[in-house]
Amino acid sequence: MSTLVKVQSKGQMTIPRRVRSAVGLVDGDLVEVKAVGKKIVITPQLVIDRSKFPTADDEYTPAQRRVIDARLAKSDDDIRRGRVYGPFDTHKEFIASLRREGAKLRSKNQS
């Protein structure tokens, strides 16, 4: 689709409605404008306003946050002490590791 538009004194121009509709551009959307050789390329951009999404701080009470932070600190300690498994290259390696650890726990519980 091609349309001629006039560039105004401040560099402004109006993108015709049918062109905006064809690419889903609506009021307030952002576009990227760049020069490619002797052409101007205008590309609609999807921008996410992160302020409209809740954060973990909004989801949990201070008491719940302390519990979460304590558990995260414990898992950091486990990692530092090497009390972790993996990494695994395939799901089969992961399942085999689970079975070995399960067998160890079963034999430990039977003793």
PDB file of N, CA and C in Angstrom:
ATOM      1  N   MET A   1       0.857  -1.166   0.000  1.00  0.00           N
ATOM      2  CA  MET A   1       0.000   0.000   0.000  1.00  0.00           C
ATOM      3  C   MET A   1       0.904   1.230   0.000  1.00  0.00           C
ATOM      4  N   SER A   2       0.613   2.151  -0.859  1.00  0.00           N
ATOM      5  CA  SER A   2       1.444   3.337  -1.011  1.00  0.00           C
ATOM      6  C   SER A   2       0.554   4.568  -1.079  1.00  0.00           C
ATOM      7  N   THR A   3       0.939   5.623  -0.373  1.00  0.00           N
ATOM      8  CA  THR A   3       0.179   6.860  -0.353  1.00  0.00           C
ATOM      9  C   THR A   3       1.142   8.030  -0.249  1.00  0.00           C
ATOM     10  N   LEU A   4       0.833   9.113  -0.932  1.00  0.00           N
ATOM     11  CA  LEU A   4       1.643  10.325  -0.801  1.00  0.00           C
ATOM     12  C   LEU A   4       1.114  11.165   0.347  1.00  0.00           C
ATOM     13  N   VAL A   5       2.015  11.665   1.186  1.00  0.00           N
ATOM     14  CA  VAL A   5       1.638  12.586   2.260  1.00  0.00           C
ATOM     15  C   VAL A   5       2.580  13.772   2.206  1.00  0.00           C
ATOM     16  N   LYS A   6       2.127  14.891   2.725  1.00  0.00           N
ATOM     17  CA  LYS A   6       2.929  16.116   2.706  1.00  0.00           C
ATOM     18  C   LYS A   6       3.633  16.285   4.051  1.00  0.00           C
ATOM     19  N   VAL A   7       4.921  16.569   4.016  1.00  0.00           N
ATOM     20  CA  VAL A   7       5.682  16.841   5.224  1.00  0.00           C
ATOM     21  C   VAL A   7       5.482  18.310   5.565  1.00  0.00           C
ATOM     22  N   GLN A   8       5.045  18.581   6.810  1.00  0.00           N
ATOM     23  CA  GLN A   8       4.775  19.945   7.251  1.00  0.00           C
ATOM     24  C   GLN A   8       6.072  20.641   7.689  1.00  0.00           C
ATOM     25  N   SER A   9       5.970  21.900   8.083  1.00  0.00           N
ATOM     26  CA  SER A   9       7.149  22.711   8.395  1.00  0.00           C
ATOM     27  C   SER A   9       7.988  22.138   9.546  1.00  0.00           C
ATOM     28  N   LYS A  10       7.378  21.494  10.521  1.00  0.00           N
ATOM     29  CA  LYS A  10       8.128  20.928  11.649  1.00  0.00           C
ATOM     30  C   LYS A  10       8.486  19.457  11.424  1.00  0.00           C
ATOM     31  N   GLY A  11       8.349  18.979  10.208  1.00  0.00           N
ATOM     32  CA  GLY A  11       8.666  17.593   9.910  1.00  0.00           C
ATOM     33  C   GLY A  11       7.510  16.650  10.177  1.00  0.00           C
ATOM     34  N   GLN A  12       6.368  17.209  10.551  1.00  0.00           N
ATOM     35  CA  GLN A  12       5.211  16.362  10.851  1.00  0.00           C
ATOM     36  C   GLN A  12       4.504  15.940   9.570  1.00  0.00           C
ATOM     37  N   MET A  13       3.873  14.765   9.641  1.00  0.00           N
ATOM     38  CA  MET A  13       3.043  14.297   8.540  1.00  0.00           C
ATOM     39  C   MET A  13       1.920  13.450   9.114  1.00  0.00           C
ATOM     40  N   THR A  14       0.882  13.276   8.376  1.00  0.00           N
ATOM     41  CA  THR A  14      -0.250  12.462   8.806  1.00  0.00           C
ATOM     42  C   THR A  14      -0.196  11.139   8.072  1.00  0.00           C
ATOM     43  N   ILE A  15      -0.190  10.061   8.854  1.00  0.00           N
ATOM     44  CA  ILE A  15      -0.247   8.732   8.248  1.00  0.00           C
ATOM     45  C   ILE A  15      -1.725   8.449   7.984  1.00  0.00           C
ATOM     46  N   PRO A  16      -2.090   8.195   6.746  1.00  0.00           N
ATOM     47  CA  PRO A  16      -3.502   7.985   6.420  1.00  0.00           C
ATOM     48  C   PRO A  16      -4.122   6.848   7.225  1.00  0.00           C
ATOM     49  N   ARG A  17      -5.420   6.993   7.515  1.00  0.00           N
ATOM     50  CA  ARG A  17      -6.159   6.032   8.334  1.00  0.00           C
ATOM     51  C   ARG A  17      -6.037   4.610   7.789  1.00  0.00           C
ATOM     52  N   ARG A  18      -6.161   4.426   6.502  1.00  0.00           N
ATOM     53  CA  ARG A  18      -6.125   3.065   5.945  1.00  0.00           C
ATOM     54  C   ARG A  18      -4.742   2.431   6.124  1.00  0.00           C
ATOM     55  N   VAL A  19      -3.682   3.240   6.111  1.00  0.00           N
ATOM     56  CA  VAL A  19      -2.335   2.709   6.350  1.00  0.00           C
ATOM     57  C   VAL A  19      -2.200   2.333   7.821  1.00  0.00           C
ATOM     58  N   ARG A  20      -2.682   3.228   8.728  1.00  0.00           N
ATOM     59  CA  ARG A  20      -2.640   2.921  10.171  1.00  0.00           C
ATOM     60  C   ARG A  20      -3.431   1.661  10.464  1.00  0.00           C
ATOM     61  N   SER A  21      -4.594   1.541   9.886  1.00  0.00           N
ATOM     62  CA  SER A  21      -5.444   0.355  10.111  1.00  0.00           C
ATOM     63  C   SER A  21      -4.776  -0.909   9.598  1.00  0.00           C
ATOM     64  N   ALA A  22      -4.110  -0.817   8.469  1.00  0.00           N
ATOM     65  CA  ALA A  22      -3.473  -1.988   7.865  1.00  0.00           C
ATOM     66  C   ALA A  22      -2.393  -2.576   8.764  1.00  0.00           C
ATOM     67  N   VAL A  23      -1.729  -1.717   9.564  1.00  0.00           N
ATOM     68  CA  VAL A  23      -0.662  -2.209  10.445  1.00  0.00           C
ATOM     69  C   VAL A  23      -1.061  -2.218  11.912  1.00  0.00           C
ATOM     70  N   GLY A  24      -2.330  -1.858  12.196  1.00  0.00           N
ATOM     71  CA  GLY A  24      -2.821  -1.906  13.577  1.00  0.00           C
ATOM     72  C   GLY A  24      -2.317  -0.769  14.448  1.00  0.00           C
ATOM     73  N   LEU A  25      -1.990   0.356  13.858  1.00  0.00           N
ATOM     74  CA  LEU A  25      -1.475   1.509  14.597  1.00  0.00           C
ATOM     75  C   LEU A  25      -2.644   2.340  15.127  1.00  0.00           C
ATOM     76  N   VAL A  26      -2.619   2.644  16.429  1.00  0.00           N
ATOM     77  CA  VAL A  26      -3.677   3.452  17.035  1.00  0.00           C
ATOM     78  C   VAL A  26      -3.067   4.634  17.780  1.00  0.00           C
ATOM     79  N   ASP A  27      -3.909   5.596  18.173  1.00  0.00           N
ATOM     80  CA  ASP A  27      -3.443   6.785  18.898  1.00  0.00           C
ATOM     81  C   ASP A  27      -2.598   6.385  20.102  1.00  0.00           C
ATOM     82  N   GLY A  28      -1.469   7.034  20.268  1.00  0.00           N
ATOM     83  CA  GLY A  28      -0.613   6.793  21.417  1.00  0.00           C
ATOM     84  C   GLY A  28       0.446   5.724  21.196  1.00  0.00           C
ATOM     85  N   ASP A  29       0.329   4.945  20.104  1.00  0.00           N
ATOM     86  CA  ASP A  29       1.354   3.930  19.823  1.00  0.00           C
ATOM     87  C   ASP A  29       2.686   4.605  19.496  1.00  0.00           C
ATOM     88  N   LEU A  30       3.760   3.862  19.733  1.00  0.00           N
ATOM     89  CA  LEU A  30       5.093   4.353  19.395  1.00  0.00           C
ATOM     90  C   LEU A  30       5.556   3.703  18.103  1.00  0.00           C
ATOM     91  N   VAL A  31       6.332   4.456  17.324  1.00  0.00           N
ATOM     92  CA  VAL A  31       6.908   3.916  16.105  1.00  0.00           C
ATOM     93  C   VAL A  31       8.401   4.206  16.090  1.00  0.00           C
ATOM     94  N   GLU A  32       9.144   3.334  15.445  1.00  0.00           N
ATOM     95  CA  GLU A  32      10.572   3.563  15.235  1.00  0.00           C
ATOM     96  C   GLU A  32      10.711   4.187  13.854  1.00  0.00           C
ATOM     97  N   VAL A  33      11.503   5.251  13.768  1.00  0.00           N
ATOM     98  CA  VAL A  33      11.738   5.916  12.493  1.00  0.00           C
ATOM     99  C   VAL A  33      13.229   5.853  12.220  1.00  0.00           C
ATOM    100  N   LYS A  34      13.587   5.279  11.063  1.00  0.00           N
ATOM    101  CA  LYS A  34      15.016   5.223  10.747  1.00  0.00           C
ATOM    102  C   LYS A  34      15.229   5.437   9.258  1.00  0.00           C
ATOM    103  N   ALA A  35      16.418   5.958   8.941  1.00  0.00           N
ATOM    104  CA  ALA A  35      16.806   6.165   7.550  1.00  0.00           C
ATOM    105  C   ALA A  35      17.536   4.922   7.073  1.00  0.00           C
ATOM    106  N   VAL A  36      17.084   4.380   5.967  1.00  0.00           N
ATOM    107  CA  VAL A  36      17.740   3.240   5.344  1.00  0.00           C
ATOM    108  C   VAL A  36      18.066   3.663   3.916  1.00  0.00           C
ATOM    109  N   GLY A  37      19.333   4.017   3.715  1.00  0.00           N
ATOM    110  CA  GLY A  37      19.710   4.573   2.416  1.00  0.00           C
ATOM    111  C   GLY A  37      18.991   5.895   2.234  1.00  0.00           C
ATOM    112  N   LYS A  38      18.263   6.037   1.158  1.00  0.00           N
ATOM    113  CA  LYS A  38      17.493   7.262   0.881  1.00  0.00           C
ATOM    114  C   LYS A  38      16.022   7.109   1.242  1.00  0.00           C
ATOM    115  N   LYS A  39      15.694   6.084   2.037  1.00  0.00           N
ATOM    116  CA  LYS A  39      14.304   5.842   2.428  1.00  0.00           C
ATOM    117  C   LYS A  39      14.129   6.077   3.922  1.00  0.00           C
ATOM    118  N   ILE A  40      12.922   6.407   4.323  1.00  0.00           N
ATOM    119  CA  ILE A  40      12.541   6.501   5.731  1.00  0.00           C
ATOM    120  C   ILE A  40      11.643   5.304   6.018  1.00  0.00           C
ATOM    121  N   VAL A  41      12.033   4.514   7.006  1.00  0.00           N
ATOM    122  CA  VAL A  41      11.249   3.333   7.371  1.00  0.00           C
ATOM    123  C   VAL A  41      10.610   3.596   8.725  1.00  0.00           C
ATOM    124  N   ILE A  42       9.293   3.496   8.784  1.00  0.00           N
ATOM    125  CA  ILE A  42       8.531   3.707  10.022  1.00  0.00           C
ATOM    126  C   ILE A  42       7.962   2.353  10.431  1.00  0.00           C
ATOM    127  N   THR A  43       8.339   1.896  11.642  1.00  0.00           N
ATOM    128  CA  THR A  43       7.923   0.579  12.103  1.00  0.00           C
ATOM    129  C   THR A  43       7.220   0.688  13.454  1.00  0.00           C
ATOM    130  N   PRO A  44       5.959   0.215  13.550  1.00  0.00           N
ATOM    131  CA  PRO A  44       5.279   0.220  14.849  1.00  0.00           C
ATOM    132  C   PRO A  44       6.061  -0.605  15.867  1.00  0.00           C
ATOM    133  N   GLN A  45       6.096  -0.159  17.111  1.00  0.00           N
ATOM    134  CA  GLN A  45       6.829  -0.853  18.166  1.00  0.00           C
ATOM    135  C   GLN A  45       5.897  -1.203  19.313  1.00  0.00           C
ATOM    136  N   LEU A  46       6.065  -2.407  19.835  1.00  0.00           N
ATOM    137  CA  LEU A  46       5.310  -2.836  21.004  1.00  0.00           C
ATOM    138  C   LEU A  46       6.141  -2.491  22.234  1.00  0.00           C
ATOM    139  N   VAL A  47       5.593  -1.671  23.098  1.00  0.00           N
ATOM    140  CA  VAL A  47       6.292  -1.267  24.311  1.00  0.00           C
ATOM    141  C   VAL A  47       5.428  -1.684  25.494  1.00  0.00           C
ATOM    142  N   ILE A  48       6.036  -2.351  26.470  1.00  0.00           N
ATOM    143  CA  ILE A  48       5.302  -2.803  27.652  1.00  0.00           C
ATOM    144  C   ILE A  48       5.537  -1.816  28.776  1.00  0.00           C
ATOM    145  N   ASP A  49       4.454  -1.299  29.327  1.00  0.00           N
ATOM    146  CA  ASP A  49       4.540  -0.390  30.466  1.00  0.00           C
ATOM    147  C   ASP A  49       4.587  -1.245  31.733  1.00  0.00           C
ATOM    148  N   ARG A  50       5.782  -1.463  32.254  1.00  0.00           N
ATOM    149  CA  ARG A  50       5.947  -2.341  33.413  1.00  0.00           C
ATOM    150  C   ARG A  50       5.258  -1.797  34.667  1.00  0.00           C
ATOM    151  N   SER A  51       4.972  -0.533  34.712  1.00  0.00           N
ATOM    152  CA  SER A  51       4.315   0.021  35.898  1.00  0.00           C
ATOM    153  C   SER A  51       2.881  -0.493  36.038  1.00  0.00           C
ATOM    154  N   LYS A  52       2.325  -1.049  34.970  1.00  0.00           N
ATOM    155  CA  LYS A  52       0.954  -1.563  35.021  1.00  0.00           C
ATOM    156  C   LYS A  52       0.883  -3.005  35.509  1.00  0.00           C
ATOM    157  N   PHE A  53       2.047  -3.615  35.766  1.00  0.00           N
ATOM    158  CA  PHE A  53       2.088  -4.991  36.237  1.00  0.00           C
ATOM    159  C   PHE A  53       2.473  -5.018  37.701  1.00  0.00           C
ATOM    160  N   PRO A  54       1.857  -5.901  38.481  1.00  0.00           N
ATOM    161  CA  PRO A  54       2.215  -5.967  39.903  1.00  0.00           C
ATOM    162  C   PRO A  54       3.621  -6.524  40.081  1.00  0.00           C
ATOM    163  N   THR A  55       4.263  -6.123  41.137  1.00  0.00           N
ATOM    164  CA  THR A  55       5.573  -6.676  41.474  1.00  0.00           C
ATOM    165  C   THR A  55       5.400  -7.622  42.649  1.00  0.00           C
ATOM    166  N   ALA A  56       6.420  -8.387  42.946  1.00  0.00           N
ATOM    167  CA  ALA A  56       6.360  -9.303  44.086  1.00  0.00           C
ATOM    168  C   ALA A  56       6.149  -8.520  45.379  1.00  0.00           C
ATOM    169  N   ASP A  57       6.661  -7.289  45.433  1.00  0.00           N
ATOM    170  CA  ASP A  57       6.475  -6.483  46.636  1.00  0.00           C
ATOM    171  C   ASP A  57       5.002  -6.178  46.876  1.00  0.00           C
ATOM    172  N   ASP A  58       4.220  -6.074  45.796  1.00  0.00           N
ATOM    173  CA  ASP A  58       2.787  -5.799  45.934  1.00  0.00           C
ATOM    174  C   ASP A  58       2.003  -7.060  46.300  1.00  0.00           C
ATOM    175  N   GLU A  59       2.542  -8.227  45.986  1.00  0.00           N
ATOM    176  CA  GLU A  59       1.807  -9.468  46.178  1.00  0.00           C
ATOM    177  C   GLU A  59       1.886 -10.032  47.584  1.00  0.00           C
ATOM    178  N   TYR A  60       2.970  -9.747  48.303  1.00  0.00           N
ATOM    179  CA  TYR A  60       3.208 -10.397  49.587  1.00  0.00           C
ATOM    180  C   TYR A  60       3.249  -9.385  50.729  1.00  0.00           C
ATOM    181  N   THR A  61       2.813  -9.842  51.895  1.00  0.00           N
ATOM    182  CA  THR A  61       2.906  -9.011  53.096  1.00  0.00           C
ATOM    183  C   THR A  61       4.371  -9.002  53.539  1.00  0.00           C
ATOM    184  N   PRO A  62       4.769  -8.055  54.382  1.00  0.00           N
ATOM    185  CA  PRO A  62       6.154  -8.059  54.874  1.00  0.00           C
ATOM    186  C   PRO A  62       6.539  -9.381  55.560  1.00  0.00           C
ATOM    187  N   ALA A  63       5.605  -9.988  56.303  1.00  0.00           N
ATOM    188  CA  ALA A  63       5.899 -11.264  56.975  1.00  0.00           C
ATOM    189  C   ALA A  63       6.138 -12.368  55.947  1.00  0.00           C
ATOM    190  N   GLN A  64       5.304 -12.431  54.909  1.00  0.00           N
ATOM    191  CA  GLN A  64       5.491 -13.434  53.861  1.00  0.00           C
ATOM    192  C   GLN A  64       6.819 -13.194  53.135  1.00  0.00           C
ATOM    193  N   ARG A  65       7.148 -11.933  52.932  1.00  0.00           N
ATOM    194  CA  ARG A  65       8.399 -11.583  52.242  1.00  0.00           C
ATOM    195  C   ARG A  65       9.612 -12.073  53.056  1.00  0.00           C
ATOM    196  N   ARG A  66       9.554 -11.933  54.394  1.00  0.00           N
ATOM    197  CA  ARG A  66      10.660 -12.405  55.241  1.00  0.00           C
ATOM    198  C   ARG A  66      10.840 -13.912  55.118  1.00  0.00           C
ATOM    199  N   VAL A  67       9.724 -14.662  55.079  1.00  0.00           N
ATOM    200  CA  VAL A  67       9.796 -16.114  54.931  1.00  0.00           C
ATOM    201  C   VAL A  67      10.425 -16.470  53.581  1.00  0.00           C
ATOM    202  N   ILE A  68       9.987 -15.813  52.531  1.00  0.00           N
ATOM    203  CA  ILE A  68      10.531 -16.071  51.192  1.00  0.00           C
ATOM    204  C   ILE A  68      12.019 -15.760  51.155  1.00  0.00           C
ATOM    205  N   ASP A  69      12.407 -14.609  51.707  1.00  0.00           N
ATOM    206  CA  ASP A  69      13.821 -14.225  51.712  1.00  0.00           C
ATOM    207  C   ASP A  69      14.668 -15.226  52.487  1.00  0.00           C
ATOM    208  N   ALA A  70      14.151 -15.738  53.601  1.00  0.00           N
ATOM    209  CA  ALA A  70      14.887 -16.722  54.403  1.00  0.00           C
ATOM    210  C   ALA A  70      15.069 -18.019  53.613  1.00  0.00           C
ATOM    211  N   ARG A  71      14.024 -18.451  52.911  1.00  0.00           N
ATOM    212  CA  ARG A  71      14.130 -19.683  52.120  1.00  0.00           C
ATOM    213  C   ARG A  71      15.085 -19.505  50.944  1.00  0.00           C
ATOM    214  N   LEU A  72      15.067 -18.338  50.333  1.00  0.00           N
ATOM    215  CA  LEU A  72      16.007 -18.078  49.248  1.00  0.00           C
ATOM    216  C   LEU A  72      17.442 -18.077  49.763  1.00  0.00           C
ATOM    217  N   ALA A  73      17.652 -17.514  50.936  1.00  0.00           N
ATOM    218  CA  ALA A  73      18.992 -17.502  51.532  1.00  0.00           C
ATOM    219  C   ALA A  73      19.461 -18.935  51.796  1.00  0.00           C
ATOM    220  N   LYS A  74      18.547 -19.798  52.265  1.00  0.00           N
ATOM    221  CA  LYS A  74      18.904 -21.203  52.510  1.00  0.00           C
ATOM    222  C   LYS A  74      19.285 -21.892  51.211  1.00  0.00           C
ATOM    223  N   SER A  75      18.537 -21.641  50.140  1.00  0.00           N
ATOM    224  CA  SER A  75      18.878 -22.298  48.877  1.00  0.00           C
ATOM    225  C   SER A  75      20.203 -21.761  48.335  1.00  0.00           C
ATOM    226  N   ASP A  76      20.517 -20.482  48.585  1.00  0.00           N
ATOM    227  CA  ASP A  76      21.832 -19.944  48.207  1.00  0.00           C
ATOM    228  C   ASP A  76      22.929 -20.687  48.962  1.00  0.00           C
ATOM    229  N   ASP A  77      22.685 -20.963  50.256  1.00  0.00           N
ATOM    230  CA  ASP A  77      23.651 -21.696  51.070  1.00  0.00           C
ATOM    231  C   ASP A  77      23.834 -23.114  50.526  1.00  0.00           C
ATOM    232  N   ASP A  78      22.729 -23.766  50.145  1.00  0.00           N
ATOM    233  CA  ASP A  78      22.811 -25.111  49.569  1.00  0.00           C
ATOM    234  C   ASP A  78      23.664 -25.098  48.302  1.00  0.00           C
ATOM    235  N   ILE A  79      23.485 -24.102  47.485  1.00  0.00           N
ATOM    236  CA  ILE A  79      24.259 -24.014  46.245  1.00  0.00           C
ATOM    237  C   ILE A  79      25.737 -23.822  46.562  1.00  0.00           C
ATOM    238  N   ARG A  80      26.054 -22.913  47.481  1.00  0.00           N
ATOM    239  CA  ARG A  80      27.450 -22.675  47.859  1.00  0.00           C
ATOM    240  C   ARG A  80      28.110 -23.939  48.408  1.00  0.00           C
ATOM    241  N   ARG A  81      27.353 -24.744  49.147  1.00  0.00           N
ATOM    242  CA  ARG A  81      27.901 -25.963  49.752  1.00  0.00           C
ATOM    243  C   ARG A  81      27.863 -27.165  48.805  1.00  0.00           C
ATOM    244  N   GLY A  82      27.373 -26.950  47.584  1.00  0.00           N
ATOM    245  CA  GLY A  82      27.355 -28.035  46.602  1.00  0.00           C
ATOM    246  C   GLY A  82      26.248 -29.041  46.798  1.00  0.00           C
ATOM    247  N   ARG A  83      25.209 -28.675  47.564  1.00  0.00           N
ATOM    248  CA  ARG A  83      24.099 -29.607  47.808  1.00  0.00           C
ATOM    249  C   ARG A  83      23.038 -29.434  46.713  1.00  0.00           C
ATOM    250  N   VAL A  84      23.471 -29.637  45.496  1.00  0.00           N
ATOM    251  CA  VAL A  84      22.568 -29.519  44.349  1.00  0.00           C
ATOM    252  C   VAL A  84      22.867 -30.653  43.376  1.00  0.00           C
ATOM    253  N   TYR A  85      21.995 -30.865  42.424  1.00  0.00           N
ATOM    254  CA  TYR A  85      22.167 -31.897  41.421  1.00  0.00           C
ATOM    255  C   TYR A  85      22.179 -31.238  40.053  1.00  0.00           C
ATOM    256  N   GLY A  86      22.858 -31.867  39.104  1.00  0.00           N
ATOM    257  CA  GLY A  86      22.885 -31.345  37.743  1.00  0.00           C
ATOM    258  C   GLY A  86      24.111 -30.491  37.522  1.00  0.00           C
ATOM    259  N   PRO A  87      24.203 -29.830  36.429  1.00  0.00           N
ATOM    260  CA  PRO A  87      23.185 -29.722  35.379  1.00  0.00           C
ATOM    261  C   PRO A  87      23.056 -31.011  34.580  1.00  0.00           C
ATOM    262  N   PHE A  88      21.924 -31.165  33.931  1.00  0.00           N
ATOM    263  CA  PHE A  88      21.643 -32.347  33.145  1.00  0.00           C
ATOM    264  C   PHE A  88      21.563 -31.951  31.676  1.00  0.00           C
ATOM    265  N   ASP A  89      22.141 -32.783  30.825  1.00  0.00           N
ATOM    266  CA  ASP A  89      22.099 -32.504  29.390  1.00  0.00           C
ATOM    267  C   ASP A  89      20.792 -32.964  28.751  1.00  0.00           C
ATOM    268  N   THR A  90      20.166 -33.967  29.356  1.00  0.00           N
ATOM    269  CA  THR A  90      18.910 -34.479  28.803  1.00  0.00           C
ATOM    270  C   THR A  90      17.930 -34.765  29.936  1.00  0.00           C
ATOM    271  N   HIS A  91      16.679 -34.914  29.570  1.00  0.00           N
ATOM    272  CA  HIS A  91      15.673 -35.264  30.576  1.00  0.00           C
ATOM    273  C   HIS A  91      15.913 -36.674  31.116  1.00  0.00           C
ATOM    274  N   LYS A  92      16.509 -37.523  30.302  1.00  0.00           N
ATOM    275  CA  LYS A  92      16.786 -38.896  30.750  1.00  0.00           C
ATOM    276  C   LYS A  92      17.825 -38.895  31.880  1.00  0.00           C
ATOM    277  N   GLU A  93      18.836 -38.037  31.765  1.00  0.00           N
ATOM    278  CA  GLU A  93      19.825 -37.921  32.844  1.00  0.00           C
ATOM    279  C   GLU A  93      19.157 -37.430  34.130  1.00  0.00           C
ATOM    280  N   PHE A  94      18.236 -36.480  33.988  1.00  0.00           N
ATOM    281  CA  PHE A  94      17.527 -35.939  35.142  1.00  0.00           C
ATOM    282  C   PHE A  94      16.695 -37.032  35.826  1.00  0.00           C
ATOM    283  N   ILE A  95      15.951 -37.797  35.033  1.00  0.00           N
ATOM    284  CA  ILE A  95      15.107 -38.871  35.591  1.00  0.00           C
ATOM    285  C   ILE A  95      15.970 -39.937  36.267  1.00  0.00           C
ATOM    286  N   ALA A  96      17.093 -40.292  35.642  1.00  0.00           N
ATOM    287  CA  ALA A  96      17.991 -41.283  36.236  1.00  0.00           C
ATOM    288  C   ALA A  96      18.504 -40.791  37.585  1.00  0.00           C
ATOM    289  N   SER A  97      18.831 -39.502  37.681  1.00  0.00           N
ATOM    290  CA  SER A  97      19.300 -38.924  38.943  1.00  0.00           C
ATOM    291  C   SER A  97      18.195 -38.980  40.001  1.00  0.00           C
ATOM    292  N   LEU A  98      16.968 -38.663  39.606  1.00  0.00           N
ATOM    293  CA  LEU A  98      15.843 -38.736  40.546  1.00  0.00           C
ATOM    294  C   LEU A  98      15.660 -40.165  41.068  1.00  0.00           C
ATOM    295  N   ARG A  99      15.776 -41.132  40.174  1.00  0.00           N
ATOM    296  CA  ARG A  99      15.605 -42.533  40.586  1.00  0.00           C
ATOM    297  C   ARG A  99      16.706 -42.954  41.557  1.00  0.00           C
ATOM    298  N   ARG A 100      17.950 -42.557  41.272  1.00  0.00           N
ATOM    299  CA  ARG A 100      19.062 -42.896  42.178  1.00  0.00           C
ATOM    300  C   ARG A 100      18.836 -42.297  43.557  1.00  0.00           C
ATOM    301  N   GLU A 101      18.446 -41.024  43.598  1.00  0.00           N
ATOM    302  CA  GLU A 101      18.229 -40.361  44.886  1.00  0.00           C
ATOM    303  C   GLU A 101      17.029 -40.960  45.607  1.00  0.00           C
ATOM    304  N   GLY A 102      15.992 -41.335  44.853  1.00  0.00           N
ATOM    305  CA  GLY A 102      14.837 -41.990  45.453  1.00  0.00           C
ATOM    306  C   GLY A 102      15.204 -43.331  46.075  1.00  0.00           C
ATOM    307  N   ALA A 103      16.037 -44.078  45.372  1.00  0.00           N
ATOM    308  CA  ALA A 103      16.493 -45.382  45.880  1.00  0.00           C
ATOM    309  C   ALA A 103      17.302 -45.198  47.162  1.00  0.00           C
ATOM    310  N   LYS A 104      18.160 -44.183  47.211  1.00  0.00           N
ATOM    311  CA  LYS A 104      18.927 -43.893  48.420  1.00  0.00           C
ATOM    312  C   LYS A 104      18.001 -43.595  49.597  1.00  0.00           C
ATOM    313  N   LEU A 105      16.968 -42.777  49.353  1.00  0.00           N
ATOM    314  CA  LEU A 105      16.033 -42.417  50.427  1.00  0.00           C
ATOM    315  C   LEU A 105      15.245 -43.641  50.912  1.00  0.00           C
ATOM    316  N   ARG A 106      14.812 -44.485  49.956  1.00  0.00           N
ATOM    317  CA  ARG A 106      14.058 -45.686  50.338  1.00  0.00           C
ATOM    318  C   ARG A 106      14.923 -46.613  51.183  1.00  0.00           C
ATOM    319  N   SER A 107      16.176 -46.805  50.777  1.00  0.00           N
ATOM    320  CA  SER A 107      17.040 -47.726  51.544  1.00  0.00           C
ATOM    321  C   SER A 107      17.353 -47.105  52.913  1.00  0.00           C
ATOM    322  N   LYS A 108      17.467 -45.812  52.990  1.00  0.00           N
ATOM    323  CA  LYS A 108      17.732 -45.127  54.255  1.00  0.00           C
ATOM    324  C   LYS A 108      16.537 -45.276  55.201  1.00  0.00           C
ATOM    325  N   ASN A 109      15.317 -45.164  54.666  1.00  0.00           N
ATOM    326  CA  ASN A 109      14.098 -45.268  55.475  1.00  0.00           C
ATOM    327  C   ASN A 109      13.830 -46.696  55.936  1.00  0.00           C
ATOM    328  N   GLN A 110      14.314 -47.693  55.202  1.00  0.00           N
ATOM    329  CA  GLN A 110      14.093 -49.095  55.558  1.00  0.00           C
ATOM    330  C   GLN A 110      15.056 -49.538  56.655  1.00  0.00           C
ATOM    331  N   SER A 111      16.165 -48.820  56.822  1.00  0.00           N
ATOM    332  CA  SER A 111      17.130 -49.223  57.844  1.00  0.00           C
ATOM    333  C   SER A 111      16.708 -48.813  59.215  1.00  0.00           C
TER     334      SER A 111
END
